Amino acid sequence: MLYVGGKWVGEGEAAVHPEDRGYNFGDGIYEVVRIYKGKMYQWDAHIARLFRSAREIKLDLPWSAVELGTLALQLMEKNDITENDDAYLYLQISRGASPRVHDIPDGIEPVLMGFARKKARPLAEMKEGQTAQLIEDIRWLRCDIKTLNLLGAVLVKQYAKDAGAQDCILHRNGIVTECSSSNVFAVKNGALYTHPANHLILHGITRQIVIELARENGIPVHEEAFTTDFLKQADELFLTSTTAEIMPFISVDGQPVGEGKAGPVAHKLQDLFEQHIHASVLV
């Protein structure tokens, strides 16, 4: 079951207004929330980011965080997400339907859509790692806002796929930013390096948790820009995201990262993240 514009509908019944601004302009925002064993993980952080994204695009939300939380639980119930299930929740808000003009019309009502679907954790992949391709970052300059404008992310992911890689690592004029839909970390001499959380990257929820876990456990963290040359000399590389968690890269542009397998720092952080999940939602 989906929730679309105030109604519960089946997959085949869902429809979008032809002049919905999310459909015409990508004028809207979204969040993806992980569910572990039937419980939402980091809901408060995700909902805070949703409201921040709304403010940044001048979108007034008529729902409170409490109302959205109630809807999230209803979505889980109506989609049979139980205490035995790992899943994810998707919430999307478009600015609404209006005659097609490029400025923001007055008096239109936002449209809220949501669904919940079962999704297993990528545990085998997290042990084995993935391959990456370095690609120029062609996206817009407000990557900190989680909007529906994702064509740039789609294209760079496809460029990586066409090159035979599983994901991309993006750079702007040689400065590494992030991946197609996740944040990226380099490991050098036991320390973490990741791009600062400014307008050029998404302020990832999992990214922040990894930074906090690293610092709490004696792993130095440098939130500073680094070059593609530095990245190629890294001992380890990994991405972080809500659904991929902590995913090591074992090669970039066909060249091995470190020893060509998931490294000890990534494994340690995966263990710490697992403990954090249990402490947060599985107790």
C-alpha atoms as a PDB file:
ATOM      1  CA  MET A   1       0.000   0.000   0.000  1.00  0.00           C
ATOM      2  CA  LEU A   2       1.078   3.550  -0.784  1.00  0.00           C
ATOM      3  CA  TYR A   3       0.008   6.825   0.759  1.00  0.00           C
ATOM      4  CA  VAL A   4      -0.519   9.415  -1.994  1.00  0.00           C
ATOM      5  CA  GLY A   5      -2.012  12.845  -1.440  1.00  0.00           C
ATOM      6  CA  GLY A   6      -4.068  11.838   1.585  1.00  0.00           C
ATOM      7  CA  LYS A   7      -5.297   8.488   0.239  1.00  0.00           C
ATOM      8  CA  TRP A   8      -4.250   4.865   0.655  1.00  0.00           C
ATOM      9  CA  VAL A   9      -3.870   3.215  -2.752  1.00  0.00           C
ATOM     10  CA  GLY A  10      -2.447   0.070  -4.262  1.00  0.00           C
ATOM     11  CA  GLU A  11       0.655   0.081  -6.464  1.00  0.00           C
ATOM     12  CA  GLY A  12      -1.403   0.016  -9.656  1.00  0.00           C
ATOM     13  CA  GLU A  13      -3.710   2.806  -8.490  1.00  0.00           C
ATOM     14  CA  ALA A  14      -1.077   5.432  -7.764  1.00  0.00           C
ATOM     15  CA  ALA A  15      -1.117   8.414 -10.114  1.00  0.00           C
ATOM     16  CA  VAL A  16       0.556  11.799 -10.434  1.00  0.00           C
ATOM     17  CA  HIS A  17      -1.130  14.988 -11.601  1.00  0.00           C
ATOM     18  CA  PRO A  18       0.292  16.004 -15.022  1.00  0.00           C
ATOM     19  CA  GLU A  19       1.154  19.463 -13.643  1.00  0.00           C
ATOM     20  CA  ASP A  20       2.599  18.286 -10.342  1.00  0.00           C
ATOM     21  CA  ARG A  21       5.789  20.306  -9.859  1.00  0.00           C
ATOM     22  CA  GLY A  22       7.659  17.269  -8.608  1.00  0.00           C
ATOM     23  CA  TYR A  23       6.921  15.602 -11.953  1.00  0.00           C
ATOM     24  CA  ASN A  24       7.611  18.691 -14.083  1.00  0.00           C
ATOM     25  CA  PHE A  25      10.555  20.273 -12.268  1.00  0.00           C
ATOM     26  CA  GLY A  26      11.810  17.846  -9.634  1.00  0.00           C
ATOM     27  CA  ASP A  27      10.382  20.467  -7.250  1.00  0.00           C
ATOM     28  CA  GLY A  28      10.244  18.475  -4.054  1.00  0.00           C
ATOM     29  CA  ILE A  29      12.160  16.622  -1.357  1.00  0.00           C
ATOM     30  CA  TYR A  30      12.449  13.101  -0.001  1.00  0.00           C
ATOM     31  CA  GLU A  31      13.951  10.881   2.673  1.00  0.00           C
ATOM     32  CA  VAL A  32      14.803   7.174   2.890  1.00  0.00           C
ATOM     33  CA  VAL A  33      14.728   5.665   6.378  1.00  0.00           C
ATOM     34  CA  ARG A  34      16.211   2.260   7.228  1.00  0.00           C
ATOM     35  CA  ILE A  35      14.128  -0.226   9.193  1.00  0.00           C
ATOM     36  CA  TYR A  36      15.887  -2.937  11.194  1.00  0.00           C
ATOM     37  CA  LYS A  37      13.789  -5.776  12.589  1.00  0.00           C
ATOM     38  CA  GLY A  38      10.624  -3.738  12.300  1.00  0.00           C
ATOM     39  CA  LYS A  39      12.001  -0.579  13.945  1.00  0.00           C
ATOM     40  CA  MET A  40      12.991   2.690  12.273  1.00  0.00           C
ATOM     41  CA  TYR A  41      16.642   3.674  12.608  1.00  0.00           C
ATOM     42  CA  GLN A  42      17.616   7.333  13.093  1.00  0.00           C
ATOM     43  CA  TRP A  43      14.100   8.596  12.405  1.00  0.00           C
ATOM     44  CA  ASP A  44      14.658  11.884  14.254  1.00  0.00           C
ATOM     45  CA  ALA A  45      17.760  12.680  12.199  1.00  0.00           C
ATOM     46  CA  HIS A  46      16.002  11.896   8.930  1.00  0.00           C
ATOM     47  CA  ILE A  47      12.930  13.952   9.751  1.00  0.00           C
ATOM     48  CA  ALA A  48      15.107  16.887  10.849  1.00  0.00           C
ATOM     49  CA  ARG A  49      16.898  16.736   7.483  1.00  0.00           C
ATOM     50  CA  LEU A  50      13.547  16.573   5.663  1.00  0.00           C
ATOM     51  CA  PHE A  51      12.419  19.800   7.342  1.00  0.00           C
ATOM     52  CA  ARG A  52      15.787  21.421   6.602  1.00  0.00           C
ATOM     53  CA  SER A  53      15.469  20.480   2.928  1.00  0.00           C
ATOM     54  CA  ALA A  54      11.963  21.977   2.901  1.00  0.00           C
ATOM     55  CA  ARG A  55      13.232  25.259   4.332  1.00  0.00           C
ATOM     56  CA  GLU A  56      16.069  25.420   1.810  1.00  0.00           C
ATOM     57  CA  ILE A  57      13.653  25.194  -1.148  1.00  0.00           C
ATOM     58  CA  LYS A  58      11.081  27.519   0.490  1.00  0.00           C
ATOM     59  CA  LEU A  59       8.510  24.759   0.934  1.00  0.00           C
ATOM     60  CA  ASP A  60       6.125  25.144   3.883  1.00  0.00           C
ATOM     61  CA  LEU A  61       5.137  21.732   5.200  1.00  0.00           C
ATOM     62  CA  PRO A  62       1.611  21.410   6.643  1.00  0.00           C
ATOM     63  CA  TRP A  63       2.549  18.271   8.606  1.00  0.00           C
ATOM     64  CA  SER A  64       4.344  18.087  11.933  1.00  0.00           C
ATOM     65  CA  ALA A  65       7.137  15.652  12.705  1.00  0.00           C
ATOM     66  CA  VAL A  66       4.709  13.769  14.947  1.00  0.00           C
ATOM     67  CA  GLU A  67       2.160  13.442  12.135  1.00  0.00           C
ATOM     68  CA  LEU A  68       4.813  12.173   9.751  1.00  0.00           C
ATOM     69  CA  GLY A  69       5.949   9.697  12.389  1.00  0.00           C
ATOM     70  CA  THR A  70       2.411   8.373  12.732  1.00  0.00           C
ATOM     71  CA  LEU A  71       2.183   8.008   8.964  1.00  0.00           C
ATOM     72  CA  ALA A  72       5.493   6.123   8.905  1.00  0.00           C
ATOM     73  CA  LEU A  73       4.172   3.576  11.405  1.00  0.00           C
ATOM     74  CA  GLN A  74       0.979   3.190   9.380  1.00  0.00           C
ATOM     75  CA  LEU A  75       3.015   2.581   6.237  1.00  0.00           C
ATOM     76  CA  MET A  76       4.947  -0.160   7.994  1.00  0.00           C
ATOM     77  CA  GLU A  77       1.768  -1.782   9.306  1.00  0.00           C
ATOM     78  CA  LYS A  78      -0.092  -1.667   5.969  1.00  0.00           C
ATOM     79  CA  ASN A  79       2.919  -3.160   4.185  1.00  0.00           C
ATOM     80  CA  ASP A  80       3.338  -6.003   6.689  1.00  0.00           C
ATOM     81  CA  ILE A  81       6.704  -4.853   8.049  1.00  0.00           C
ATOM     82  CA  THR A  82       7.073  -6.922  11.216  1.00  0.00           C
ATOM     83  CA  GLU A  83       9.704  -7.327  13.917  1.00  0.00           C
ATOM     84  CA  ASN A  84      11.346  -9.998  11.760  1.00  0.00           C
ATOM     85  CA  ASP A  85      11.840  -7.702   8.775  1.00  0.00           C
ATOM     86  CA  ASP A  86      14.595  -5.436   7.529  1.00  0.00           C
ATOM     87  CA  ALA A  87      13.064  -2.824   5.241  1.00  0.00           C
ATOM     88  CA  TYR A  88      13.106   0.809   4.207  1.00  0.00           C
ATOM     89  CA  LEU A  89      10.631   3.665   4.286  1.00  0.00           C
ATOM     90  CA  TYR A  90      10.366   6.266   1.519  1.00  0.00           C
ATOM     91  CA  LEU A  91       8.737   9.662   2.012  1.00  0.00           C
ATOM     92  CA  GLN A  92       8.431  12.188  -0.806  1.00  0.00           C
ATOM     93  CA  ILE A  93       6.867  15.641  -0.797  1.00  0.00           C
ATOM     94  CA  SER A  94       6.340  17.616  -3.995  1.00  0.00           C
ATOM     95  CA  ARG A  95       5.409  21.279  -3.931  1.00  0.00           C
ATOM     96  CA  GLY A  96       2.068  20.336  -5.496  1.00  0.00           C
ATOM     97  CA  ALA A  97       0.133  20.799  -8.725  1.00  0.00           C
ATOM     98  CA  SER A  98      -0.277  24.159 -10.458  1.00  0.00           C
ATOM     99  CA  PRO A  99      -0.121  25.629 -13.959  1.00  0.00           C
ATOM    100  CA  ARG A 100       3.405  25.167 -15.298  1.00  0.00           C
ATOM    101  CA  VAL A 101       5.459  28.259 -14.511  1.00  0.00           C
ATOM    102  CA  HIS A 102       9.075  28.441 -13.386  1.00  0.00           C
ATOM    103  CA  ASP A 103       8.578  30.673 -10.357  1.00  0.00           C
ATOM    104  CA  ILE A 104       6.862  29.365  -7.220  1.00  0.00           C
ATOM    105  CA  PRO A 105       3.087  29.948  -7.336  1.00  0.00           C
ATOM    106  CA  ASP A 106       1.158  30.977  -4.256  1.00  0.00           C
ATOM    107  CA  GLY A 107      -1.529  28.879  -2.661  1.00  0.00           C
ATOM    108  CA  ILE A 108      -0.688  25.373  -3.869  1.00  0.00           C
ATOM    109  CA  GLU A 109      -0.772  22.400  -1.500  1.00  0.00           C
ATOM    110  CA  PRO A 110       2.192  20.053  -1.127  1.00  0.00           C
ATOM    111  CA  VAL A 111       1.600  16.418  -2.061  1.00  0.00           C
ATOM    112  CA  LEU A 112       2.919  13.750   0.304  1.00  0.00           C
ATOM    113  CA  MET A 113       3.666  10.238  -0.930  1.00  0.00           C
ATOM    114  CA  GLY A 114       5.116   7.342   0.999  1.00  0.00           C
ATOM    115  CA  PHE A 115       5.683   3.595   0.972  1.00  0.00           C
ATOM    116  CA  ALA A 116       7.554   0.910   2.913  1.00  0.00           C
ATOM    117  CA  ARG A 117       9.204  -2.144   1.377  1.00  0.00           C
ATOM    118  CA  LYS A 118      11.159  -5.078   2.714  1.00  0.00           C
ATOM    119  CA  LYS A 119      14.867  -4.964   1.897  1.00  0.00           C
ATOM    120  CA  ALA A 120      17.601  -7.254   3.165  1.00  0.00           C
ATOM    121  CA  ARG A 121      20.875  -5.841   4.425  1.00  0.00           C
ATOM    122  CA  PRO A 122      23.818  -6.111   1.956  1.00  0.00           C
ATOM    123  CA  LEU A 123      25.909  -8.168   4.382  1.00  0.00           C
ATOM    124  CA  ALA A 124      27.785 -10.241   1.782  1.00  0.00           C
ATOM    125  CA  GLU A 125      28.658  -7.182  -0.299  1.00  0.00           C
ATOM    126  CA  MET A 126      29.900  -5.336   2.773  1.00  0.00           C
ATOM    127  CA  LYS A 127      32.421  -8.129   3.335  1.00  0.00           C
ATOM    128  CA  GLU A 128      33.471  -8.449  -0.298  1.00  0.00           C
ATOM    129  CA  GLY A 129      33.455  -4.778  -1.327  1.00  0.00           C
ATOM    130  CA  GLN A 130      32.580  -3.041  -4.590  1.00  0.00           C
ATOM    131  CA  THR A 131      34.314  -1.488  -7.570  1.00  0.00           C
ATOM    132  CA  ALA A 132      34.282   2.230  -8.398  1.00  0.00           C
ATOM    133  CA  GLN A 133      35.024   4.556 -11.285  1.00  0.00           C
ATOM    134  CA  LEU A 134      36.271   8.135 -10.907  1.00  0.00           C
ATOM    135  CA  ILE A 135      33.857  10.475 -12.693  1.00  0.00           C
ATOM    136  CA  GLU A 136      33.529  14.255 -12.935  1.00  0.00           C
ATOM    137  CA  ASP A 137      30.808  15.589 -10.630  1.00  0.00           C
ATOM    138  CA  ILE A 138      28.234  17.063 -13.019  1.00  0.00           C
ATOM    139  CA  ARG A 139      25.501  17.706 -10.438  1.00  0.00           C
ATOM    140  CA  TRP A 140      24.186  21.086  -9.303  1.00  0.00           C
ATOM    141  CA  LEU A 141      25.749  23.069  -6.456  1.00  0.00           C
ATOM    142  CA  ARG A 142      23.210  22.362  -3.721  1.00  0.00           C
ATOM    143  CA  CYS A 143      23.863  18.697  -3.077  1.00  0.00           C
ATOM    144  CA  ASP A 144      23.200  19.314   0.629  1.00  0.00           C
ATOM    145  CA  ILE A 145      19.450  19.514  -0.139  1.00  0.00           C
ATOM    146  CA  LYS A 146      17.801  16.119  -0.577  1.00  0.00           C
ATOM    147  CA  THR A 147      15.618  17.071  -3.529  1.00  0.00           C
ATOM    148  CA  LEU A 148      13.969  15.143  -6.345  1.00  0.00           C
ATOM    149  CA  ASN A 149      16.510  16.576  -8.823  1.00  0.00           C
ATOM    150  CA  LEU A 150      18.448  13.339  -9.272  1.00  0.00           C
ATOM    151  CA  LEU A 151      19.198  13.183 -12.995  1.00  0.00           C
ATOM    152  CA  GLY A 152      22.848  14.073 -12.375  1.00  0.00           C
ATOM    153  CA  ALA A 153      23.135  11.199  -9.900  1.00  0.00           C
ATOM    154  CA  VAL A 154      21.420   8.854 -12.355  1.00  0.00           C
ATOM    155  CA  LEU A 155      23.825   9.760 -15.157  1.00  0.00           C
ATOM    156  CA  VAL A 156      27.041   9.392 -13.169  1.00  0.00           C
ATOM    157  CA  LYS A 157      25.879   6.017 -11.826  1.00  0.00           C
ATOM    158  CA  GLN A 158      25.194   4.929 -15.408  1.00  0.00           C
ATOM    159  CA  TYR A 159      28.603   6.212 -16.552  1.00  0.00           C
ATOM    160  CA  ALA A 160      30.170   3.995 -13.868  1.00  0.00           C
ATOM    161  CA  LYS A 161      28.059   1.022 -14.921  1.00  0.00           C
ATOM    162  CA  ASP A 162      29.017   1.534 -18.570  1.00  0.00           C
ATOM    163  CA  ALA A 163      32.686   1.481 -17.490  1.00  0.00           C
ATOM    164  CA  GLY A 164      32.157  -1.856 -15.742  1.00  0.00           C
ATOM    165  CA  ALA A 165      32.098  -0.508 -12.181  1.00  0.00           C
ATOM    166  CA  GLN A 166      29.414  -0.800  -9.517  1.00  0.00           C
ATOM    167  CA  ASP A 167      29.468   2.839  -8.411  1.00  0.00           C
ATOM    168  CA  CYS A 168      31.254   6.101  -9.010  1.00  0.00           C
ATOM    169  CA  ILE A 169      33.423   8.378  -6.920  1.00  0.00           C
ATOM    170  CA  LEU A 170      32.818  11.960  -7.972  1.00  0.00           C
ATOM    171  CA  HIS A 171      35.254  14.854  -8.155  1.00  0.00           C
ATOM    172  CA  ARG A 172      35.076  18.530  -9.077  1.00  0.00           C
ATOM    173  CA  ASN A 173      38.273  19.556 -10.840  1.00  0.00           C
ATOM    174  CA  GLY A 174      40.221  16.871  -9.025  1.00  0.00           C
ATOM    175  CA  ILE A 175      38.653  17.424  -5.572  1.00  0.00           C
ATOM    176  CA  VAL A 176      36.742  14.347  -4.382  1.00  0.00           C
ATOM    177  CA  THR A 177      33.156  15.037  -3.247  1.00  0.00           C
ATOM    178  CA  GLU A 178      31.054  11.880  -2.772  1.00  0.00           C
ATOM    179  CA  CYS A 179      29.459   8.995  -4.695  1.00  0.00           C
ATOM    180  CA  SER A 180      26.302   8.906  -6.807  1.00  0.00           C
ATOM    181  CA  SER A 181      24.006   8.531  -3.787  1.00  0.00           C
ATOM    182  CA  SER A 182      26.319   8.158  -0.808  1.00  0.00           C
ATOM    183  CA  ASN A 183      29.260   9.692   1.009  1.00  0.00           C
ATOM    184  CA  VAL A 184      32.842   8.496   0.566  1.00  0.00           C
ATOM    185  CA  PHE A 185      35.709   8.061   3.030  1.00  0.00           C
ATOM    186  CA  ALA A 186      39.410   7.472   2.423  1.00  0.00           C
ATOM    187  CA  VAL A 187      41.647   5.780   4.989  1.00  0.00           C
ATOM    188  CA  LYS A 188      45.322   6.709   5.186  1.00  0.00           C
ATOM    189  CA  ASN A 189      47.671   5.611   7.995  1.00  0.00           C
ATOM    190  CA  GLY A 190      44.677   4.651  10.144  1.00  0.00           C
ATOM    191  CA  ALA A 191      42.860   7.999   9.828  1.00  0.00           C
ATOM    192  CA  LEU A 192      39.625   8.824   8.030  1.00  0.00           C
ATOM    193  CA  TYR A 193      39.317  11.577   5.442  1.00  0.00           C
ATOM    194  CA  THR A 194      36.011  12.822   4.040  1.00  0.00           C
ATOM    195  CA  HIS A 195      34.766  15.966   2.328  1.00  0.00           C
ATOM    196  CA  PRO A 196      33.373  18.569   4.747  1.00  0.00           C
ATOM    197  CA  ALA A 197      29.584  18.777   4.996  1.00  0.00           C
ATOM    198  CA  ASN A 198      29.007  21.865   2.869  1.00  0.00           C
ATOM    199  CA  HIS A 199      26.821  22.494  -0.193  1.00  0.00           C
ATOM    200  CA  LEU A 200      28.788  20.081  -2.383  1.00  0.00           C
ATOM    201  CA  ILE A 201      27.742  16.873  -0.589  1.00  0.00           C
ATOM    202  CA  LEU A 202      24.696  15.443   1.103  1.00  0.00           C
ATOM    203  CA  HIS A 203      24.910  15.684   4.889  1.00  0.00           C
ATOM    204  CA  GLY A 204      24.581  11.933   5.291  1.00  0.00           C
ATOM    205  CA  ILE A 205      23.027  10.450   8.426  1.00  0.00           C
ATOM    206  CA  THR A 206      25.219   7.341   8.245  1.00  0.00           C
ATOM    207  CA  ARG A 207      28.230   9.539   7.443  1.00  0.00           C
ATOM    208  CA  GLN A 208      27.759  11.440  10.703  1.00  0.00           C
ATOM    209  CA  ILE A 209      27.295   8.267  12.744  1.00  0.00           C
ATOM    210  CA  VAL A 210      30.502   6.813  11.288  1.00  0.00           C
ATOM    211  CA  ILE A 211      32.405   9.997  12.146  1.00  0.00           C
ATOM    212  CA  GLU A 212      31.116   9.887  15.730  1.00  0.00           C
ATOM    213  CA  LEU A 213      31.862   6.161  16.137  1.00  0.00           C
ATOM    214  CA  ALA A 214      35.376   6.639  14.764  1.00  0.00           C
ATOM    215  CA  ARG A 215      36.196   9.498  17.107  1.00  0.00           C
ATOM    216  CA  GLU A 216      34.732   7.672  20.107  1.00  0.00           C
ATOM    217  CA  ASN A 217      36.970   4.694  19.335  1.00  0.00           C
ATOM    218  CA  GLY A 218      40.282   6.435  18.716  1.00  0.00           C
ATOM    219  CA  ILE A 219      40.183   6.659  14.926  1.00  0.00           C
ATOM    220  CA  PRO A 220      41.220  10.162  13.775  1.00  0.00           C
ATOM    221  CA  VAL A 221      38.799  11.898  11.413  1.00  0.00           C
ATOM    222  CA  HIS A 222      39.675  14.737   9.043  1.00  0.00           C
ATOM    223  CA  GLU A 223      36.684  16.491   7.487  1.00  0.00           C
ATOM    224  CA  GLU A 224      38.621  18.171   4.730  1.00  0.00           C
ATOM    225  CA  ALA A 225      38.731  18.122   0.948  1.00  0.00           C
ATOM    226  CA  PHE A 226      41.235  15.783  -0.683  1.00  0.00           C
ATOM    227  CA  THR A 227      42.328  15.163  -4.256  1.00  0.00           C
ATOM    228  CA  THR A 228      41.927  12.250  -6.614  1.00  0.00           C
ATOM    229  CA  ASP A 229      45.686  11.715  -6.314  1.00  0.00           C
ATOM    230  CA  PHE A 230      45.317  11.319  -2.545  1.00  0.00           C
ATOM    231  CA  LEU A 231      42.387   8.951  -3.100  1.00  0.00           C
ATOM    232  CA  LYS A 232      44.483   6.745  -5.402  1.00  0.00           C
ATOM    233  CA  GLN A 233      47.095   6.407  -2.641  1.00  0.00           C
ATOM    234  CA  ALA A 234      44.556   5.556   0.081  1.00  0.00           C
ATOM    235  CA  ASP A 235      44.961   2.390   2.140  1.00  0.00           C
ATOM    236  CA  GLU A 236      41.193   1.881   2.126  1.00  0.00           C
ATOM    237  CA  LEU A 237      38.088   3.473   0.628  1.00  0.00           C
ATOM    238  CA  PHE A 238      34.452   3.009   1.574  1.00  0.00           C
ATOM    239  CA  LEU A 239      31.083   4.646   1.102  1.00  0.00           C
ATOM    240  CA  THR A 240      28.351   5.223   3.655  1.00  0.00           C
ATOM    241  CA  SER A 241      24.601   5.418   3.104  1.00  0.00           C
ATOM    242  CA  THR A 242      21.281   4.494   4.685  1.00  0.00           C
ATOM    243  CA  THR A 243      20.814   1.276   2.711  1.00  0.00           C
ATOM    244  CA  ALA A 244      24.431   0.350   1.845  1.00  0.00           C
ATOM    245  CA  GLU A 245      25.641   1.091   5.420  1.00  0.00           C
ATOM    246  CA  ILE A 246      29.483   0.906   5.281  1.00  0.00           C
ATOM    247  CA  MET A 247      30.499  -0.484   1.893  1.00  0.00           C
ATOM    248  CA  PRO A 248      34.214  -0.899   1.072  1.00  0.00           C
ATOM    249  CA  PHE A 249      35.652  -0.200  -2.378  1.00  0.00           C
ATOM    250  CA  ILE A 250      38.202  -2.768  -3.522  1.00  0.00           C
ATOM    251  CA  SER A 251      39.201  -1.049  -6.781  1.00  0.00           C
ATOM    252  CA  VAL A 252      38.986   2.342  -8.516  1.00  0.00           C
ATOM    253  CA  ASP A 253      39.354   2.658 -12.292  1.00  0.00           C
ATOM    254  CA  GLY A 254      40.364  -0.992 -12.362  1.00  0.00           C
ATOM    255  CA  GLN A 255      43.249  -0.491  -9.928  1.00  0.00           C
ATOM    256  CA  PRO A 256      43.165  -2.196  -6.496  1.00  0.00           C
ATOM    257  CA  VAL A 257      42.622  -0.137  -3.359  1.00  0.00           C
ATOM    258  CA  GLY A 258      45.248  -1.168  -0.819  1.00  0.00           C
ATOM    259  CA  GLU A 259      45.421  -4.947  -0.928  1.00  0.00           C
ATOM    260  CA  GLY A 260      42.361  -5.159  -3.163  1.00  0.00           C
ATOM    261  CA  LYS A 261      39.995  -6.249  -0.420  1.00  0.00           C
ATOM    262  CA  ALA A 262      37.985  -4.719   2.408  1.00  0.00           C
ATOM    263  CA  GLY A 263      40.436  -3.369   4.973  1.00  0.00           C
ATOM    264  CA  PRO A 264      40.692  -3.486   8.771  1.00  0.00           C
ATOM    265  CA  VAL A 265      39.399   0.045   9.432  1.00  0.00           C
ATOM    266  CA  ALA A 266      36.263  -0.581   7.379  1.00  0.00           C
ATOM    267  CA  HIS A 267      35.717  -3.895   9.162  1.00  0.00           C
ATOM    268  CA  LYS A 268      36.130  -2.256  12.566  1.00  0.00           C
ATOM    269  CA  LEU A 269      33.655   0.477  11.685  1.00  0.00           C
ATOM    270  CA  GLN A 270      31.202  -2.126  10.375  1.00  0.00           C
ATOM    271  CA  ASP A 271      31.400  -3.892  13.751  1.00  0.00           C
ATOM    272  CA  LEU A 272      30.908  -0.617  15.625  1.00  0.00           C
ATOM    273  CA  PHE A 273      27.982   0.278  13.373  1.00  0.00           C
ATOM    274  CA  GLU A 274      26.393  -3.107  14.048  1.00  0.00           C
ATOM    275  CA  GLN A 275      26.654  -2.425  17.767  1.00  0.00           C
ATOM    276  CA  HIS A 276      25.117   1.007  17.238  1.00  0.00           C
ATOM    277  CA  ILE A 277      22.155  -0.523  15.401  1.00  0.00           C
ATOM    278  CA  HIS A 278      21.541  -2.939  18.232  1.00  0.00           C
ATOM    279  CA  ALA A 279      21.833  -0.210  20.860  1.00  0.00           C
ATOM    280  CA  SER A 280      19.503   2.070  18.923  1.00  0.00           C
ATOM    281  CA  VAL A 281      16.672  -0.146  17.742  1.00  0.00           C
ATOM    282  CA  LEU A 282      17.126  -3.791  18.568  1.00  0.00           C
ATOM    283  CA  VAL A 283      17.176  -3.710  22.373  1.00  0.00           C
END
